[in-house]
Amino acid sequence: MEACEIPKGEMLPNPVYVLLDESGLDFERAHDAARNLAKKLYHEPMLLSWFDRSAERYSPQDVDCCVEGKPGWVEYARSRGGDFTVDINYQAYVFIFRGGEEIP
């Protein structure tokens, strides 16, 4: 994995930081936690991109790895309206959503 694919907090749109102190935390559990948080804040959040540091993978994978020094998957989400990030355990797992209408 190239260094520019790894996100830094200041690159992420409106991050909400979540610490999950669970043994055996994996992508599926982190994804569920991110999705559940997004659903509490927005009516119809749409997941646009994600990052899994331990597995060294991100989605979408078919984007350029770096766009002006930033991860391509982050710029992909931003260019499609990504305006809300759930950052789990200090960029161990990152999920970028288009939030939509906020729940009051």
N, C-alpha and C. Protein backbone atom coordinates (compact mmCIF):
# COMPACT_ATOMS: atom_id res chain seq x y z
N MET A 1 0.86 -1.17 0.00
CA MET A 1 0.00 0.00 0.00
C MET A 1 0.89 1.22 0.00
N GLU A 2 0.59 2.17 -0.88
CA GLU A 2 1.36 3.39 -0.97
C GLU A 2 0.94 4.35 0.13
N ALA A 3 1.89 5.15 0.59
CA ALA A 3 1.63 6.07 1.70
C ALA A 3 0.48 7.02 1.40
N CYS A 4 0.34 7.45 0.15
CA CYS A 4 -0.71 8.43 -0.14
C CYS A 4 -2.11 7.83 -0.11
N GLU A 5 -2.22 6.51 -0.07
CA GLU A 5 -3.53 5.87 0.03
C GLU A 5 -4.07 5.91 1.47
N ILE A 6 -3.18 6.11 2.44
CA ILE A 6 -3.57 6.12 3.85
C ILE A 6 -4.07 7.51 4.22
N PRO A 7 -5.27 7.60 4.78
CA PRO A 7 -5.83 8.92 5.07
C PRO A 7 -5.22 9.57 6.31
N LYS A 8 -5.29 10.88 6.32
CA LYS A 8 -4.97 11.66 7.51
C LYS A 8 -6.26 12.37 7.90
N GLY A 9 -6.48 12.57 9.17
CA GLY A 9 -7.72 13.14 9.68
C GLY A 9 -8.15 14.42 8.99
N GLU A 10 -7.19 15.31 8.70
CA GLU A 10 -7.54 16.58 8.08
C GLU A 10 -8.01 16.43 6.63
N MET A 11 -7.82 15.28 6.03
CA MET A 11 -8.26 15.03 4.65
C MET A 11 -9.73 14.62 4.58
N LEU A 12 -10.29 14.20 5.71
CA LEU A 12 -11.60 13.59 5.71
C LEU A 12 -12.71 14.63 5.90
N PRO A 13 -13.80 14.51 5.12
CA PRO A 13 -14.90 15.47 5.26
C PRO A 13 -15.70 15.24 6.54
N ASN A 14 -15.78 16.27 7.39
CA ASN A 14 -16.58 16.24 8.61
C ASN A 14 -16.47 14.93 9.39
N PRO A 15 -15.28 14.60 9.86
CA PRO A 15 -15.12 13.32 10.54
C PRO A 15 -15.77 13.27 11.92
N VAL A 16 -16.34 12.12 12.22
CA VAL A 16 -16.79 11.77 13.56
C VAL A 16 -15.90 10.61 13.98
N TYR A 17 -15.24 10.77 15.11
CA TYR A 17 -14.29 9.77 15.57
C TYR A 17 -14.96 8.82 16.55
N VAL A 18 -14.78 7.54 16.29
CA VAL A 18 -15.38 6.50 17.11
C VAL A 18 -14.28 5.56 17.58
N LEU A 19 -14.27 5.27 18.87
CA LEU A 19 -13.34 4.28 19.42
C LEU A 19 -14.14 3.05 19.80
N LEU A 20 -13.78 1.94 19.20
CA LEU A 20 -14.41 0.66 19.54
C LEU A 20 -13.37 -0.20 20.21
N ASP A 21 -13.54 -0.40 21.49
CA ASP A 21 -12.61 -1.19 22.28
C ASP A 21 -13.13 -2.61 22.33
N GLU A 22 -12.94 -3.30 21.23
CA GLU A 22 -13.43 -4.68 21.13
C GLU A 22 -12.30 -5.57 20.66
N SER A 23 -12.18 -6.72 21.29
CA SER A 23 -11.20 -7.68 20.78
C SER A 23 -11.78 -8.29 19.51
N GLY A 24 -10.94 -8.49 18.55
CA GLY A 24 -11.39 -9.10 17.31
C GLY A 24 -12.19 -8.16 16.41
N LEU A 25 -12.03 -6.86 16.59
CA LEU A 25 -12.72 -5.91 15.72
C LEU A 25 -12.30 -6.17 14.28
N ASP A 26 -13.29 -6.36 13.42
CA ASP A 26 -12.99 -6.60 12.01
C ASP A 26 -13.77 -5.64 11.13
N PHE A 27 -13.58 -5.75 9.84
CA PHE A 27 -14.21 -4.82 8.91
C PHE A 27 -15.73 -4.85 9.03
N GLU A 28 -16.32 -6.01 9.11
CA GLU A 28 -17.79 -6.11 9.16
C GLU A 28 -18.36 -5.41 10.39
N ARG A 29 -17.74 -5.60 11.54
CA ARG A 29 -18.21 -4.94 12.76
C ARG A 29 -18.03 -3.43 12.67
N ALA A 30 -16.88 -3.00 12.13
CA ALA A 30 -16.64 -1.56 11.96
C ALA A 30 -17.64 -0.97 10.96
N HIS A 31 -17.91 -1.68 9.88
CA HIS A 31 -18.87 -1.22 8.88
C HIS A 31 -20.27 -1.09 9.49
N ASP A 32 -20.68 -2.07 10.27
CA ASP A 32 -21.98 -2.01 10.94
C ASP A 32 -22.08 -0.81 11.88
N ALA A 33 -21.02 -0.57 12.64
CA ALA A 33 -21.02 0.56 13.57
C ALA A 33 -21.10 1.89 12.80
N ALA A 34 -20.37 2.01 11.71
CA ALA A 34 -20.40 3.23 10.91
C ALA A 34 -21.77 3.45 10.29
N ARG A 35 -22.33 2.40 9.73
CA ARG A 35 -23.65 2.49 9.10
C ARG A 35 -24.72 2.86 10.12
N ASN A 36 -24.68 2.25 11.29
CA ASN A 36 -25.66 2.54 12.33
C ASN A 36 -25.56 3.98 12.81
N LEU A 37 -24.34 4.49 12.97
CA LEU A 37 -24.17 5.88 13.36
C LEU A 37 -24.70 6.81 12.28
N ALA A 38 -24.38 6.54 11.03
CA ALA A 38 -24.86 7.38 9.92
C ALA A 38 -26.38 7.39 9.87
N LYS A 39 -27.02 6.25 10.12
CA LYS A 39 -28.48 6.18 10.10
C LYS A 39 -29.12 6.95 11.26
N LYS A 40 -28.39 7.12 12.36
CA LYS A 40 -28.90 7.91 13.48
C LYS A 40 -28.87 9.40 13.18
N LEU A 41 -27.98 9.80 12.28
CA LEU A 41 -27.78 11.22 11.99
C LEU A 41 -28.46 11.70 10.71
N TYR A 42 -28.65 10.79 9.76
CA TYR A 42 -29.20 11.16 8.45
C TYR A 42 -30.30 10.19 8.04
N HIS A 43 -31.28 10.70 7.28
CA HIS A 43 -32.40 9.86 6.85
C HIS A 43 -31.97 8.74 5.91
N GLU A 44 -31.21 9.06 4.89
CA GLU A 44 -30.81 8.05 3.91
C GLU A 44 -29.34 8.21 3.54
N PRO A 45 -28.43 7.89 4.47
CA PRO A 45 -27.01 8.04 4.15
C PRO A 45 -26.59 7.00 3.11
N MET A 46 -25.66 7.43 2.24
CA MET A 46 -25.15 6.52 1.21
C MET A 46 -23.63 6.39 1.39
N LEU A 47 -23.17 5.16 1.58
CA LEU A 47 -21.74 4.92 1.69
C LEU A 47 -21.11 5.06 0.31
N LEU A 48 -20.09 5.92 0.22
CA LEU A 48 -19.43 6.17 -1.06
C LEU A 48 -18.06 5.54 -1.16
N SER A 49 -17.32 5.49 -0.06
CA SER A 49 -16.00 4.86 -0.08
C SER A 49 -15.62 4.43 1.33
N TRP A 50 -14.62 3.56 1.39
CA TRP A 50 -14.16 3.07 2.69
C TRP A 50 -12.70 2.66 2.61
N PHE A 51 -12.10 2.50 3.80
CA PHE A 51 -10.70 2.14 3.93
C PHE A 51 -10.55 1.17 5.09
N ASP A 52 -9.75 0.12 4.89
CA ASP A 52 -9.47 -0.89 5.91
C ASP A 52 -7.95 -1.01 6.00
N ARG A 53 -7.38 -0.38 7.03
CA ARG A 53 -5.91 -0.33 7.13
C ARG A 53 -5.30 -1.72 7.28
N SER A 54 -5.84 -2.57 8.16
CA SER A 54 -5.20 -3.86 8.43
C SER A 54 -5.18 -4.77 7.21
N ALA A 55 -6.20 -4.69 6.38
CA ALA A 55 -6.24 -5.51 5.16
C ALA A 55 -5.58 -4.81 3.97
N GLU A 56 -5.15 -3.56 4.19
CA GLU A 56 -4.53 -2.76 3.13
C GLU A 56 -5.42 -2.71 1.89
N ARG A 57 -6.68 -2.33 2.11
CA ARG A 57 -7.60 -2.23 0.98
C ARG A 57 -8.54 -1.04 1.17
N TYR A 58 -9.10 -0.61 0.08
CA TYR A 58 -10.04 0.50 0.07
C TYR A 58 -10.97 0.32 -1.11
N SER A 59 -12.05 1.07 -1.08
CA SER A 59 -13.01 1.01 -2.17
C SER A 59 -13.53 2.41 -2.43
N PRO A 60 -13.70 2.76 -3.68
CA PRO A 60 -13.48 1.95 -4.87
C PRO A 60 -11.99 1.79 -5.18
N GLN A 61 -11.65 0.60 -5.66
CA GLN A 61 -10.25 0.28 -5.95
C GLN A 61 -9.82 0.77 -7.32
N ASP A 62 -10.76 1.07 -8.18
CA ASP A 62 -10.40 1.43 -9.55
C ASP A 62 -10.10 2.91 -9.74
N VAL A 63 -9.98 3.67 -8.64
CA VAL A 63 -9.62 5.08 -8.73
C VAL A 63 -8.10 5.21 -8.63
N ASP A 64 -7.58 6.33 -9.12
CA ASP A 64 -6.14 6.58 -8.99
C ASP A 64 -5.76 6.54 -7.53
N CYS A 65 -4.60 6.00 -7.24
CA CYS A 65 -4.20 5.87 -5.84
C CYS A 65 -4.03 7.21 -5.17
N CYS A 66 -3.53 8.21 -5.90
CA CYS A 66 -3.31 9.52 -5.30
C CYS A 66 -3.80 10.62 -6.23
N VAL A 67 -4.50 11.57 -5.68
CA VAL A 67 -4.96 12.73 -6.42
C VAL A 67 -4.43 13.94 -5.65
N GLU A 68 -3.43 14.60 -6.22
CA GLU A 68 -2.81 15.76 -5.58
C GLU A 68 -2.38 15.45 -4.14
N GLY A 69 -1.77 14.29 -3.94
CA GLY A 69 -1.27 13.91 -2.62
C GLY A 69 -2.31 13.38 -1.66
N LYS A 70 -3.54 13.23 -2.12
CA LYS A 70 -4.62 12.72 -1.27
C LYS A 70 -5.06 11.36 -1.80
N PRO A 71 -5.58 10.51 -0.91
CA PRO A 71 -6.07 9.22 -1.36
C PRO A 71 -7.16 9.37 -2.42
N GLY A 72 -7.04 8.63 -3.51
CA GLY A 72 -8.03 8.71 -4.58
C GLY A 72 -9.42 8.33 -4.13
N TRP A 73 -9.51 7.37 -3.20
CA TRP A 73 -10.84 6.95 -2.73
C TRP A 73 -11.52 8.05 -1.91
N VAL A 74 -10.73 8.93 -1.23
CA VAL A 74 -11.29 10.06 -0.51
C VAL A 74 -11.82 11.10 -1.51
N GLU A 75 -11.01 11.39 -2.52
CA GLU A 75 -11.43 12.36 -3.53
C GLU A 75 -12.62 11.85 -4.34
N TYR A 76 -12.68 10.55 -4.56
CA TYR A 76 -13.84 9.95 -5.24
C TYR A 76 -15.11 10.27 -4.46
N ALA A 77 -15.08 10.05 -3.16
CA ALA A 77 -16.26 10.30 -2.33
C ALA A 77 -16.60 11.79 -2.30
N ARG A 78 -15.61 12.64 -2.13
CA ARG A 78 -15.86 14.08 -2.11
C ARG A 78 -16.50 14.56 -3.40
N SER A 79 -16.02 14.05 -4.52
CA SER A 79 -16.54 14.50 -5.81
C SER A 79 -17.97 14.03 -6.06
N ARG A 80 -18.44 13.12 -5.25
CA ARG A 80 -19.81 12.60 -5.38
C ARG A 80 -20.69 13.02 -4.21
N GLY A 81 -20.27 14.05 -3.51
CA GLY A 81 -21.07 14.61 -2.43
C GLY A 81 -20.76 14.07 -1.06
N GLY A 82 -19.67 13.33 -0.91
CA GLY A 82 -19.30 12.81 0.41
C GLY A 82 -19.08 13.94 1.38
N ASP A 83 -19.87 13.97 2.44
CA ASP A 83 -19.82 15.09 3.36
C ASP A 83 -19.80 14.66 4.83
N PHE A 84 -19.58 13.38 5.08
CA PHE A 84 -19.63 12.86 6.45
C PHE A 84 -18.75 11.62 6.53
N THR A 85 -17.84 11.60 7.49
CA THR A 85 -16.91 10.48 7.64
C THR A 85 -17.06 9.87 9.02
N VAL A 86 -17.06 8.55 9.08
CA VAL A 86 -16.95 7.85 10.34
C VAL A 86 -15.55 7.24 10.36
N ASP A 87 -14.74 7.71 11.29
CA ASP A 87 -13.35 7.29 11.45
C ASP A 87 -13.29 6.42 12.70
N ILE A 88 -13.04 5.15 12.51
CA ILE A 88 -13.03 4.21 13.63
C ILE A 88 -11.60 3.86 14.01
N ASN A 89 -11.31 4.07 15.28
CA ASN A 89 -10.01 3.73 15.87
C ASN A 89 -8.83 4.36 15.14
N TYR A 90 -8.93 5.70 14.96
CA TYR A 90 -7.82 6.47 14.40
C TYR A 90 -7.38 5.97 13.03
N GLN A 91 -8.29 5.96 12.11
CA GLN A 91 -8.10 5.57 10.71
C GLN A 91 -7.80 4.09 10.50
N ALA A 92 -8.17 3.26 11.48
CA ALA A 92 -8.08 1.81 11.25
C ALA A 92 -9.14 1.42 10.21
N TYR A 93 -10.31 2.04 10.33
CA TYR A 93 -11.41 1.87 9.37
C TYR A 93 -12.01 3.25 9.14
N VAL A 94 -12.22 3.59 7.89
CA VAL A 94 -12.78 4.89 7.54
C VAL A 94 -13.91 4.67 6.54
N PHE A 95 -15.04 5.33 6.79
CA PHE A 95 -16.21 5.22 5.92
C PHE A 95 -16.70 6.62 5.58
N ILE A 96 -16.80 6.92 4.29
CA ILE A 96 -17.26 8.25 3.87
C ILE A 96 -18.65 8.11 3.24
N PHE A 97 -19.58 8.90 3.77
CA PHE A 97 -20.97 8.86 3.34
C PHE A 97 -21.38 10.19 2.71
N ARG A 98 -22.40 10.12 1.87
CA ARG A 98 -23.16 11.31 1.52
C ARG A 98 -24.34 11.28 2.49
N GLY A 99 -24.37 12.26 3.38
CA GLY A 99 -25.32 12.22 4.48
C GLY A 99 -26.77 12.43 4.07
N GLY A 100 -27.02 13.41 3.24
CA GLY A 100 -28.40 13.72 2.90
C GLY A 100 -29.07 14.55 3.98
N GLU A 101 -30.34 14.35 4.15
CA GLU A 101 -31.13 15.13 5.11
C GLU A 101 -30.85 14.68 6.53
N GLU A 102 -30.53 15.65 7.39
CA GLU A 102 -30.23 15.33 8.78
C GLU A 102 -31.50 15.00 9.54
N ILE A 103 -31.37 14.10 10.51
CA ILE A 103 -32.46 13.78 11.41
C ILE A 103 -32.42 14.80 12.54
N PRO A 104 -33.53 15.48 12.80
CA PRO A 104 -33.53 16.51 13.86
C PRO A 104 -33.34 15.92 15.25
